[in-house]
């Protein structure tokens, strides 16, 4: 019995199988690194970061990644981005923090 393959007009020149063959190991490593980070958080001497904006952003981004909807890159990028459009009077440290802190 053969497997039916859906052919469609996509924006990638590669098929899904070709993408998996080319990039699986690279992304496997990234997923394992993220899993290790989350495990280290759970084993920390003190569990004091539940309200940390960076950890909230990672958890929200993971929920987007686990969902089946498209536009994941844009939605995850917006989770980490500063939504404000007005100019700042002086530079802040947002870029050094990697995520937007709404309480800062």
PDB file of N, CA and C in Angstrom:
ATOM      1  N   UNK A   1       0.833  -1.184   0.000  1.00  0.00           N
ATOM      2  CA  UNK A   1       0.000   0.000   0.000  1.00  0.00           C
ATOM      3  C   UNK A   1       0.875   1.245   0.000  1.00  0.00           C
ATOM      4  N   UNK A   2       0.611   2.136  -0.905  1.00  0.00           N
ATOM      5  CA  UNK A   2       1.366   3.379  -0.988  1.00  0.00           C
ATOM      6  C   UNK A   2       0.707   4.474  -0.176  1.00  0.00           C
ATOM      7  N   UNK A   3       1.487   5.470   0.129  1.00  0.00           N
ATOM      8  CA  UNK A   3       0.974   6.627   0.852  1.00  0.00           C
ATOM      9  C   UNK A   3       0.643   7.716  -0.153  1.00  0.00           C
ATOM     10  N   UNK A   4      -0.517   8.279  -0.035  1.00  0.00           N
ATOM     11  CA  UNK A   4      -0.915   9.366  -0.926  1.00  0.00           C
ATOM     12  C   UNK A   4      -0.203  10.640  -0.500  1.00  0.00           C
ATOM     13  N   UNK A   5       0.340  11.342  -1.460  1.00  0.00           N
ATOM     14  CA  UNK A   5       1.033  12.599  -1.186  1.00  0.00           C
ATOM     15  C   UNK A   5       0.257  13.733  -1.834  1.00  0.00           C
ATOM     16  N   UNK A   6      -0.041  14.728  -1.044  1.00  0.00           N
ATOM     17  CA  UNK A   6      -0.766  15.887  -1.567  1.00  0.00           C
ATOM     18  C   UNK A   6       0.217  16.810  -2.271  1.00  0.00           C
ATOM     19  N   UNK A   7      -0.090  17.150  -3.494  1.00  0.00           N
ATOM     20  CA  UNK A   7       0.717  18.101  -4.250  1.00  0.00           C
ATOM     21  C   UNK A   7      -0.014  19.434  -4.254  1.00  0.00           C
ATOM     22  N   UNK A   8       0.720  20.480  -3.967  1.00  0.00           N
ATOM     23  CA  UNK A   8       0.112  21.797  -3.929  1.00  0.00           C
ATOM     24  C   UNK A   8       1.158  22.833  -4.297  1.00  0.00           C
ATOM     25  N   UNK A   9       0.711  24.021  -4.508  1.00  0.00           N
ATOM     26  CA  UNK A   9       1.626  25.116  -4.801  1.00  0.00           C
ATOM     27  C   UNK A   9       2.034  25.737  -3.478  1.00  0.00           C
ATOM     28  N   UNK A  10       3.269  25.535  -3.092  1.00  0.00           N
ATOM     29  CA  UNK A  10       3.780  26.087  -1.844  1.00  0.00           C
ATOM     30  C   UNK A  10       4.848  27.122  -2.129  1.00  0.00           C
ATOM     31  N   UNK A  11       5.303  27.784  -1.094  1.00  0.00           N
ATOM     32  CA  UNK A  11       6.329  28.813  -1.264  1.00  0.00           C
ATOM     33  C   UNK A  11       7.734  28.255  -1.102  1.00  0.00           C
ATOM     34  N   UNK A  12       7.879  27.031  -0.600  1.00  0.00           N
ATOM     35  CA  UNK A  12       9.191  26.409  -0.448  1.00  0.00           C
ATOM     36  C   UNK A  12       9.495  25.561  -1.679  1.00  0.00           C
ATOM     37  N   UNK A  13      10.706  25.661  -2.193  1.00  0.00           N
ATOM     38  CA  UNK A  13      11.056  24.819  -3.338  1.00  0.00           C
ATOM     39  C   UNK A  13      11.261  23.356  -2.943  1.00  0.00           C
ATOM     40  N   UNK A  14      11.342  23.082  -1.644  1.00  0.00           N
ATOM     41  CA  UNK A  14      11.557  21.720  -1.162  1.00  0.00           C
ATOM     42  C   UNK A  14      10.247  21.088  -0.712  1.00  0.00           C
ATOM     43  N   UNK A  15      10.204  19.778  -0.771  1.00  0.00           N
ATOM     44  CA  UNK A  15       9.063  19.051  -0.225  1.00  0.00           C
ATOM     45  C   UNK A  15       9.237  18.937   1.282  1.00  0.00           C
ATOM     46  N   UNK A  16       8.186  18.508   1.967  1.00  0.00           N
ATOM     47  CA  UNK A  16       8.298  18.307   3.410  1.00  0.00           C
ATOM     48  C   UNK A  16       9.372  17.273   3.725  1.00  0.00           C
ATOM     49  N   UNK A  17       9.406  16.177   2.982  1.00  0.00           N
ATOM     50  CA  UNK A  17      10.429  15.139   3.217  1.00  0.00           C
ATOM     51  C   UNK A  17      11.842  15.691   3.015  1.00  0.00           C
ATOM     52  N   UNK A  18      12.011  16.523   1.992  1.00  0.00           N
ATOM     53  CA  UNK A  18      13.322  17.120   1.757  1.00  0.00           C
ATOM     54  C   UNK A  18      13.704  18.069   2.889  1.00  0.00           C
ATOM     55  N   UNK A  19      12.732  18.843   3.383  1.00  0.00           N
ATOM     56  CA  UNK A  19      12.996  19.738   4.514  1.00  0.00           C
ATOM     57  C   UNK A  19      13.383  18.956   5.758  1.00  0.00           C
ATOM     58  N   UNK A  20      12.664  17.876   6.031  1.00  0.00           N
ATOM     59  CA  UNK A  20      12.983  17.043   7.197  1.00  0.00           C
ATOM     60  C   UNK A  20      14.379  16.448   7.049  1.00  0.00           C
ATOM     61  N   UNK A  21      14.685  15.907   5.867  1.00  0.00           N
ATOM     62  CA  UNK A  21      15.997  15.296   5.639  1.00  0.00           C
ATOM     63  C   UNK A  21      17.125  16.311   5.817  1.00  0.00           C
ATOM     64  N   UNK A  22      16.891  17.538   5.385  1.00  0.00           N
ATOM     65  CA  UNK A  22      17.936  18.563   5.431  1.00  0.00           C
ATOM     66  C   UNK A  22      18.098  19.202   6.812  1.00  0.00           C
ATOM     67  N   UNK A  23      17.011  19.439   7.513  1.00  0.00           N
ATOM     68  CA  UNK A  23      17.065  20.281   8.714  1.00  0.00           C
ATOM     69  C   UNK A  23      16.686  19.602  10.028  1.00  0.00           C
ATOM     70  N   UNK A  24      16.310  18.332   9.996  1.00  0.00           N
ATOM     71  CA  UNK A  24      15.831  17.678  11.208  1.00  0.00           C
ATOM     72  C   UNK A  24      16.863  17.708  12.340  1.00  0.00           C
ATOM     73  N   UNK A  25      18.093  17.290  12.067  1.00  0.00           N
ATOM     74  CA  UNK A  25      19.094  17.194  13.135  1.00  0.00           C
ATOM     75  C   UNK A  25      19.373  18.549  13.777  1.00  0.00           C
ATOM     76  N   UNK A  26      19.447  19.590  12.976  1.00  0.00           N
ATOM     77  CA  UNK A  26      19.676  20.932  13.495  1.00  0.00           C
ATOM     78  C   UNK A  26      18.576  21.339  14.478  1.00  0.00           C
ATOM     79  N   UNK A  27      17.343  21.080  14.112  1.00  0.00           N
ATOM     80  CA  UNK A  27      16.219  21.494  14.958  1.00  0.00           C
ATOM     81  C   UNK A  27      15.994  20.534  16.116  1.00  0.00           C
ATOM     82  N   UNK A  28      16.367  19.297  15.944  1.00  0.00           N
ATOM     83  CA  UNK A  28      16.330  18.336  17.052  1.00  0.00           C
ATOM     84  C   UNK A  28      17.215  18.835  18.191  1.00  0.00           C
ATOM     85  N   UNK A  29      18.410  19.302  17.851  1.00  0.00           N
ATOM     86  CA  UNK A  29      19.344  19.835  18.847  1.00  0.00           C
ATOM     87  C   UNK A  29      18.735  21.045  19.553  1.00  0.00           C
ATOM     88  N   UNK A  30      18.106  21.932  18.800  1.00  0.00           N
ATOM     89  CA  UNK A  30      17.513  23.125  19.405  1.00  0.00           C
ATOM     90  C   UNK A  30      16.378  22.766  20.360  1.00  0.00           C
ATOM     91  N   UNK A  31      15.576  21.781  19.988  1.00  0.00           N
ATOM     92  CA  UNK A  31      14.486  21.347  20.874  1.00  0.00           C
ATOM     93  C   UNK A  31      15.070  20.730  22.143  1.00  0.00           C
ATOM     94  N   UNK A  32      16.115  19.924  22.011  1.00  0.00           N
ATOM     95  CA  UNK A  32      16.747  19.316  23.191  1.00  0.00           C
ATOM     96  C   UNK A  32      17.372  20.380  24.092  1.00  0.00           C
ATOM     97  N   UNK A  33      17.980  21.402  23.511  1.00  0.00           N
ATOM     98  CA  UNK A  33      18.544  22.488  24.317  1.00  0.00           C
ATOM     99  C   UNK A  33      17.460  23.219  25.096  1.00  0.00           C
ATOM    100  N   UNK A  34      16.328  23.459  24.469  1.00  0.00           N
ATOM    101  CA  UNK A  34      15.217  24.109  25.153  1.00  0.00           C
ATOM    102  C   UNK A  34      14.671  23.216  26.266  1.00  0.00           C
ATOM    103  N   UNK A  35      14.558  21.924  25.995  1.00  0.00           N
ATOM    104  CA  UNK A  35      14.099  20.982  27.022  1.00  0.00           C
ATOM    105  C   UNK A  35      15.060  20.972  28.206  1.00  0.00           C
ATOM    106  N   UNK A  36      16.360  21.002  27.937  1.00  0.00           N
ATOM    107  CA  UNK A  36      17.357  21.028  29.017  1.00  0.00           C
ATOM    108  C   UNK A  36      17.233  22.298  29.850  1.00  0.00           C
ATOM    109  N   UNK A  37      17.011  23.428  29.185  1.00  0.00           N
ATOM    110  CA  UNK A  37      16.827  24.697  29.896  1.00  0.00           C
ATOM    111  C   UNK A  37      15.616  24.627  30.818  1.00  0.00           C
ATOM    112  N   UNK A  38      14.504  24.110  30.317  1.00  0.00           N
ATOM    113  CA  UNK A  38      13.289  23.998  31.129  1.00  0.00           C
ATOM    114  C   UNK A  38      13.492  23.028  32.285  1.00  0.00           C
ATOM    115  N   UNK A  39      14.225  21.943  32.051  1.00  0.00           N
ATOM    116  CA  UNK A  39      14.541  21.003  33.141  1.00  0.00           C
ATOM    117  C   UNK A  39      15.403  21.670  34.209  1.00  0.00           C
ATOM    118  N   UNK A  40      16.393  22.453  33.788  1.00  0.00           N
ATOM    119  CA  UNK A  40      17.237  23.166  34.757  1.00  0.00           C
ATOM    120  C   UNK A  40      16.401  24.130  35.591  1.00  0.00           C
ATOM    121  N   UNK A  41      15.440  24.795  34.969  1.00  0.00           N
ATOM    122  CA  UNK A  41      14.568  25.692  35.727  1.00  0.00           C
ATOM    123  C   UNK A  41      13.818  24.933  36.818  1.00  0.00           C
ATOM    124  N   UNK A  42      13.320  23.746  36.486  1.00  0.00           N
ATOM    125  CA  UNK A  42      12.574  22.953  37.469  1.00  0.00           C
ATOM    126  C   UNK A  42      13.468  22.434  38.591  1.00  0.00           C
ATOM    127  N   UNK A  43      14.764  22.247  38.310  1.00  0.00           N
ATOM    128  CA  UNK A  43      15.688  21.732  39.329  1.00  0.00           C
ATOM    129  C   UNK A  43      16.386  22.847  40.102  1.00  0.00           C
ATOM    130  N   UNK A  44      16.059  24.084  39.815  1.00  0.00           N
ATOM    131  CA  UNK A  44      16.727  25.217  40.461  1.00  0.00           C
ATOM    132  C   UNK A  44      16.541  25.162  41.974  1.00  0.00           C
ATOM    133  N   UNK A  45      17.514  25.695  42.674  1.00  0.00           N
ATOM    134  CA  UNK A  45      17.488  25.724  44.134  1.00  0.00           C
ATOM    135  C   UNK A  45      16.253  26.448  44.647  1.00  0.00           C
ATOM    136  N   UNK A  46      15.852  27.496  43.942  1.00  0.00           N
ATOM    137  CA  UNK A  46      14.666  28.256  44.332  1.00  0.00           C
ATOM    138  C   UNK A  46      13.780  28.457  43.103  1.00  0.00           C
ATOM    139  N   UNK A  47      12.505  28.177  43.241  1.00  0.00           N
ATOM    140  CA  UNK A  47      11.552  28.344  42.140  1.00  0.00           C
ATOM    141  C   UNK A  47      10.935  29.735  42.255  1.00  0.00           C
ATOM    142  N   UNK A  48      11.627  30.721  41.707  1.00  0.00           N
ATOM    143  CA  UNK A  48      11.244  32.113  41.934  1.00  0.00           C
ATOM    144  C   UNK A  48      11.047  32.908  40.640  1.00  0.00           C
ATOM    145  N   UNK A  49      10.865  32.230  39.498  1.00  0.00           N
ATOM    146  CA  UNK A  49      10.821  32.954  38.224  1.00  0.00           C
ATOM    147  C   UNK A  49       9.488  32.825  37.493  1.00  0.00           C
ATOM    148  N   UNK A  50       8.461  32.317  38.139  1.00  0.00           N
ATOM    149  CA  UNK A  50       7.182  32.167  37.445  1.00  0.00           C
ATOM    150  C   UNK A  50       6.642  33.477  36.891  1.00  0.00           C
ATOM    151  N   UNK A  51       6.974  34.581  37.548  1.00  0.00           N
ATOM    152  CA  UNK A  51       6.474  35.875  37.090  1.00  0.00           C
ATOM    153  C   UNK A  51       7.472  36.611  36.198  1.00  0.00           C
ATOM    154  N   UNK A  52       8.595  35.969  35.846  1.00  0.00           N
ATOM    155  CA  UNK A  52       9.597  36.602  34.994  1.00  0.00           C
ATOM    156  C   UNK A  52       9.044  36.746  33.572  1.00  0.00           C
ATOM    157  N   UNK A  53       9.121  37.944  33.016  1.00  0.00           N
ATOM    158  CA  UNK A  53       8.544  38.208  31.700  1.00  0.00           C
ATOM    159  C   UNK A  53       9.193  37.367  30.602  1.00  0.00           C
ATOM    160  N   UNK A  54      10.465  37.039  30.752  1.00  0.00           N
ATOM    161  CA  UNK A  54      11.143  36.228  29.735  1.00  0.00           C
ATOM    162  C   UNK A  54      10.636  34.803  29.746  1.00  0.00           C
ATOM    163  N   UNK A  55      10.441  34.256  30.933  1.00  0.00           N
ATOM    164  CA  UNK A  55       9.910  32.905  31.047  1.00  0.00           C
ATOM    165  C   UNK A  55       8.463  32.848  30.568  1.00  0.00           C
ATOM    166  N   UNK A  56       7.683  33.885  30.882  1.00  0.00           N
ATOM    167  CA  UNK A  56       6.309  33.959  30.357  1.00  0.00           C
ATOM    168  C   UNK A  56       6.319  33.984  28.842  1.00  0.00           C
ATOM    169  N   UNK A  57       7.247  34.742  28.257  1.00  0.00           N
ATOM    170  CA  UNK A  57       7.333  34.824  26.798  1.00  0.00           C
ATOM    171  C   UNK A  57       7.690  33.473  26.192  1.00  0.00           C
ATOM    172  N   UNK A  58       8.611  32.752  26.790  1.00  0.00           N
ATOM    173  CA  UNK A  58       8.973  31.422  26.278  1.00  0.00           C
ATOM    174  C   UNK A  58       7.781  30.484  26.352  1.00  0.00           C
ATOM    175  N   UNK A  59       7.082  30.500  27.452  1.00  0.00           N
ATOM    176  CA  UNK A  59       5.917  29.610  27.586  1.00  0.00           C
ATOM    177  C   UNK A  59       4.830  29.956  26.570  1.00  0.00           C
ATOM    178  N   UNK A  60       4.609  31.245  26.351  1.00  0.00           N
ATOM    179  CA  UNK A  60       3.620  31.661  25.361  1.00  0.00           C
ATOM    180  C   UNK A  60       4.063  31.257  23.959  1.00  0.00           C
ATOM    181  N   UNK A  61       5.353  31.406  23.677  1.00  0.00           N
ATOM    182  CA  UNK A  61       5.879  31.013  22.362  1.00  0.00           C
ATOM    183  C   UNK A  61       5.761  29.502  22.156  1.00  0.00           C
ATOM    184  N   UNK A  62       6.007  28.725  23.186  1.00  0.00           N
ATOM    185  CA  UNK A  62       5.863  27.270  23.075  1.00  0.00           C
ATOM    186  C   UNK A  62       4.418  26.881  22.770  1.00  0.00           C
ATOM    187  N   UNK A  63       3.479  27.590  23.350  1.00  0.00           N
ATOM    188  CA  UNK A  63       2.069  27.312  23.065  1.00  0.00           C
ATOM    189  C   UNK A  63       1.763  27.589  21.592  1.00  0.00           C
ATOM    190  N   UNK A  64       2.336  28.661  21.044  1.00  0.00           N
ATOM    191  CA  UNK A  64       2.140  28.967  19.621  1.00  0.00           C
ATOM    192  C   UNK A  64       2.749  27.858  18.773  1.00  0.00           C
ATOM    193  N   UNK A  65       3.955  27.426  19.121  1.00  0.00           N
ATOM    194  CA  UNK A  65       4.627  26.381  18.349  1.00  0.00           C
ATOM    195  C   UNK A  65       3.864  25.068  18.391  1.00  0.00           C
ATOM    196  N   UNK A  66       3.262  24.766  19.526  1.00  0.00           N
ATOM    197  CA  UNK A  66       2.527  23.509  19.669  1.00  0.00           C
ATOM    198  C   UNK A  66       1.183  23.548  18.948  1.00  0.00           C
ATOM    199  N   UNK A  67       0.672  24.728  18.683  1.00  0.00           N
ATOM    200  CA  UNK A  67      -0.606  24.863  17.986  1.00  0.00           C
ATOM    201  C   UNK A  67      -0.458  24.535  16.512  1.00  0.00           C
ATOM    202  N   UNK A  68      -1.541  24.234  15.871  1.00  0.00           N
ATOM    203  CA  UNK A  68      -1.496  23.840  14.479  1.00  0.00           C
ATOM    204  C   UNK A  68      -1.688  24.968  13.484  1.00  0.00           C
ATOM    205  N   UNK A  69      -1.813  26.185  13.950  1.00  0.00           N
ATOM    206  CA  UNK A  69      -2.059  27.307  13.053  1.00  0.00           C
ATOM    207  C   UNK A  69      -0.758  27.772  12.407  1.00  0.00           C
ATOM    208  N   UNK A  70      -0.864  28.444  11.271  1.00  0.00           N
ATOM    209  CA  UNK A  70       0.297  28.948  10.559  1.00  0.00           C
ATOM    210  C   UNK A  70       0.809  30.263  11.115  1.00  0.00           C
ATOM    211  N   UNK A  71       1.694  30.887  10.383  1.00  0.00           N
ATOM    212  CA  UNK A  71       2.305  32.168  10.757  1.00  0.00           C
ATOM    213  C   UNK A  71       3.004  32.108  12.112  1.00  0.00           C
ATOM    214  N   UNK A  72       3.600  30.959  12.430  1.00  0.00           N
ATOM    215  CA  UNK A  72       4.244  30.798  13.737  1.00  0.00           C
ATOM    216  C   UNK A  72       5.375  31.790  13.956  1.00  0.00           C
ATOM    217  N   UNK A  73       6.201  31.990  12.931  1.00  0.00           N
ATOM    218  CA  UNK A  73       7.346  32.894  13.090  1.00  0.00           C
ATOM    219  C   UNK A  73       6.880  34.295  13.460  1.00  0.00           C
ATOM    220  N   UNK A  74       5.918  34.811  12.753  1.00  0.00           N
ATOM    221  CA  UNK A  74       5.421  36.158  13.033  1.00  0.00           C
ATOM    222  C   UNK A  74       4.799  36.225  14.426  1.00  0.00           C
ATOM    223  N   UNK A  75       4.013  35.241  14.778  1.00  0.00           N
ATOM    224  CA  UNK A  75       3.346  35.278  16.084  1.00  0.00           C
ATOM    225  C   UNK A  75       4.351  35.154  17.224  1.00  0.00           C
ATOM    226  N   UNK A  76       5.355  34.298  17.071  1.00  0.00           N
ATOM    227  CA  UNK A  76       6.374  34.169  18.121  1.00  0.00           C
ATOM    228  C   UNK A  76       7.212  35.437  18.193  1.00  0.00           C
ATOM    229  N   UNK A  77       7.598  35.984  17.044  1.00  0.00           N
ATOM    230  CA  UNK A  77       8.374  37.230  17.050  1.00  0.00           C
ATOM    231  C   UNK A  77       7.623  38.336  17.780  1.00  0.00           C
ATOM    232  N   UNK A  78       6.330  38.422  17.581  1.00  0.00           N
ATOM    233  CA  UNK A  78       5.541  39.459  18.244  1.00  0.00           C
ATOM    234  C   UNK A  78       5.455  39.240  19.753  1.00  0.00           C
ATOM    235  N   UNK A  79       5.541  38.005  20.200  1.00  0.00           N
ATOM    236  CA  UNK A  79       5.552  37.730  21.644  1.00  0.00           C
ATOM    237  C   UNK A  79       6.796  38.359  22.278  1.00  0.00           C
ATOM    238  N   UNK A  80       7.929  38.272  21.587  1.00  0.00           N
ATOM    239  CA  UNK A  80       9.184  38.791  22.127  1.00  0.00           C
ATOM    240  C   UNK A  80       9.398  40.278  21.824  1.00  0.00           C
ATOM    241  N   UNK A  81       8.591  40.860  20.964  1.00  0.00           N
ATOM    242  CA  UNK A  81       8.800  42.238  20.508  1.00  0.00           C
ATOM    243  C   UNK A  81       8.081  43.265  21.369  1.00  0.00           C
ATOM    244  N   UNK A  82       8.639  44.442  21.383  1.00  0.00           N
ATOM    245  CA  UNK A  82       8.021  45.586  22.048  1.00  0.00           C
ATOM    246  C   UNK A  82       6.895  46.089  21.147  1.00  0.00           C
ATOM    247  N   UNK A  83       5.648  46.080  21.620  1.00  0.00           N
ATOM    248  CA  UNK A  83       4.530  46.476  20.765  1.00  0.00           C
ATOM    249  C   UNK A  83       4.367  47.988  20.622  1.00  0.00           C
ATOM    250  N   UNK A  84       5.110  48.738  21.389  1.00  0.00           N
ATOM    251  CA  UNK A  84       4.963  50.191  21.341  1.00  0.00           C
ATOM    252  C   UNK A  84       5.551  50.742  20.049  1.00  0.00           C
ATOM    253  N   UNK A  85       4.962  51.819  19.550  1.00  0.00           N
ATOM    254  CA  UNK A  85       5.470  52.431  18.321  1.00  0.00           C
ATOM    255  C   UNK A  85       6.034  53.839  18.560  1.00  0.00           C
ATOM    256  N   UNK A  86       5.817  54.395  19.747  1.00  0.00           N
ATOM    257  CA  UNK A  86       6.342  55.727  20.012  1.00  0.00           C
ATOM    258  C   UNK A  86       7.855  55.653  20.280  1.00  0.00           C
ATOM    259  N   UNK A  87       8.530  56.739  19.947  1.00  0.00           N
ATOM    260  CA  UNK A  87       9.977  56.805  20.145  1.00  0.00           C
ATOM    261  C   UNK A  87      10.295  56.919  21.631  1.00  0.00           C
ATOM    262  N   UNK A  88      11.391  56.303  22.025  1.00  0.00           N
ATOM    263  CA  UNK A  88      11.854  56.403  23.406  1.00  0.00           C
ATOM    264  C   UNK A  88      12.734  57.634  23.558  1.00  0.00           C
ATOM    265  N   UNK A  89      12.692  58.267  24.719  1.00  0.00           N
ATOM    266  CA  UNK A  89      13.534  59.431  24.956  1.00  0.00           C
ATOM    267  C   UNK A  89      15.000  59.034  25.072  1.00  0.00           C
ATOM    268  N   UNK A  90      15.237  57.816  25.541  1.00  0.00           N
ATOM    269  CA  UNK A  90      16.606  57.307  25.648  1.00  0.00           C
ATOM    270  C   UNK A  90      16.580  55.803  25.388  1.00  0.00           C
ATOM    271  N   UNK A  91      17.732  55.267  25.051  1.00  0.00           N
ATOM    272  CA  UNK A  91      17.814  53.832  24.800  1.00  0.00           C
ATOM    273  C   UNK A  91      17.534  53.051  26.072  1.00  0.00           C
ATOM    274  N   UNK A  92      16.871  51.927  25.901  1.00  0.00           N
ATOM    275  CA  UNK A  92      16.640  51.051  27.043  1.00  0.00           C
ATOM    276  C   UNK A  92      17.475  49.786  26.853  1.00  0.00           C
ATOM    277  N   UNK A  93      17.287  48.831  27.698  1.00  0.00           N
ATOM    278  CA  UNK A  93      18.052  47.582  27.647  1.00  0.00           C
ATOM    279  C   UNK A  93      17.248  46.436  27.074  1.00  0.00           C
ATOM    280  N   UNK A  94      16.151  46.716  26.357  1.00  0.00           N
ATOM    281  CA  UNK A  94      15.284  45.662  25.839  1.00  0.00           C
ATOM    282  C   UNK A  94      16.059  44.663  25.001  1.00  0.00           C
ATOM    283  N   UNK A  95      16.933  45.139  24.147  1.00  0.00           N
ATOM    284  CA  UNK A  95      17.653  44.223  23.282  1.00  0.00           C
ATOM    285  C   UNK A  95      18.526  43.278  24.095  1.00  0.00           C
ATOM    286  N   UNK A  96      19.010  43.741  25.222  1.00  0.00           N
ATOM    287  CA  UNK A  96      19.830  42.880  26.071  1.00  0.00           C
ATOM    288  C   UNK A  96      18.977  41.870  26.834  1.00  0.00           C
ATOM    289  N   UNK A  97      17.698  42.144  26.982  1.00  0.00           N
ATOM    290  CA  UNK A  97      16.816  41.243  27.720  1.00  0.00           C
ATOM    291  C   UNK A  97      16.188  40.197  26.820  1.00  0.00           C
ATOM    292  N   UNK A  98      16.047  40.459  25.540  1.00  0.00           N
ATOM    293  CA  UNK A  98      15.525  39.487  24.586  1.00  0.00           C
ATOM    294  C   UNK A  98      14.034  39.364  24.522  1.00  0.00           C
ATOM    295  N   UNK A  99      13.322  40.082  25.354  1.00  0.00           N
ATOM    296  CA  UNK A  99      11.854  40.038  25.347  1.00  0.00           C
ATOM    297  C   UNK A  99      11.334  41.362  25.890  1.00  0.00           C
ATOM    298  N   UNK A 100      10.110  41.657  25.568  1.00  0.00           N
ATOM    299  CA  UNK A 100       9.496  42.891  26.034  1.00  0.00           C
ATOM    300  C   UNK A 100       8.961  42.698  27.450  1.00  0.00           C
ATOM    301  N   UNK A 101       9.318  43.610  28.318  1.00  0.00           N
ATOM    302  CA  UNK A 101       8.818  43.591  29.698  1.00  0.00           C
ATOM    303  C   UNK A 101       7.758  44.678  29.838  1.00  0.00           C
ATOM    304  N   UNK A 102       6.474  44.299  29.875  1.00  0.00           N
ATOM    305  CA  UNK A 102       5.434  45.316  29.954  1.00  0.00           C
ATOM    306  C   UNK A 102       5.440  46.089  31.269  1.00  0.00           C
ATOM    307  N   UNK A 103       6.123  45.568  32.281  1.00  0.00           N
ATOM    308  CA  UNK A 103       6.156  46.238  33.574  1.00  0.00           C
ATOM    309  C   UNK A 103       7.359  47.172  33.739  1.00  0.00           C
ATOM    310  N   UNK A 104       8.224  47.219  32.730  1.00  0.00           N
ATOM    311  CA  UNK A 104       9.436  48.048  32.857  1.00  0.00           C
ATOM    312  C   UNK A 104       9.152  49.502  32.548  1.00  0.00           C
TER     313      UNK A 104
END
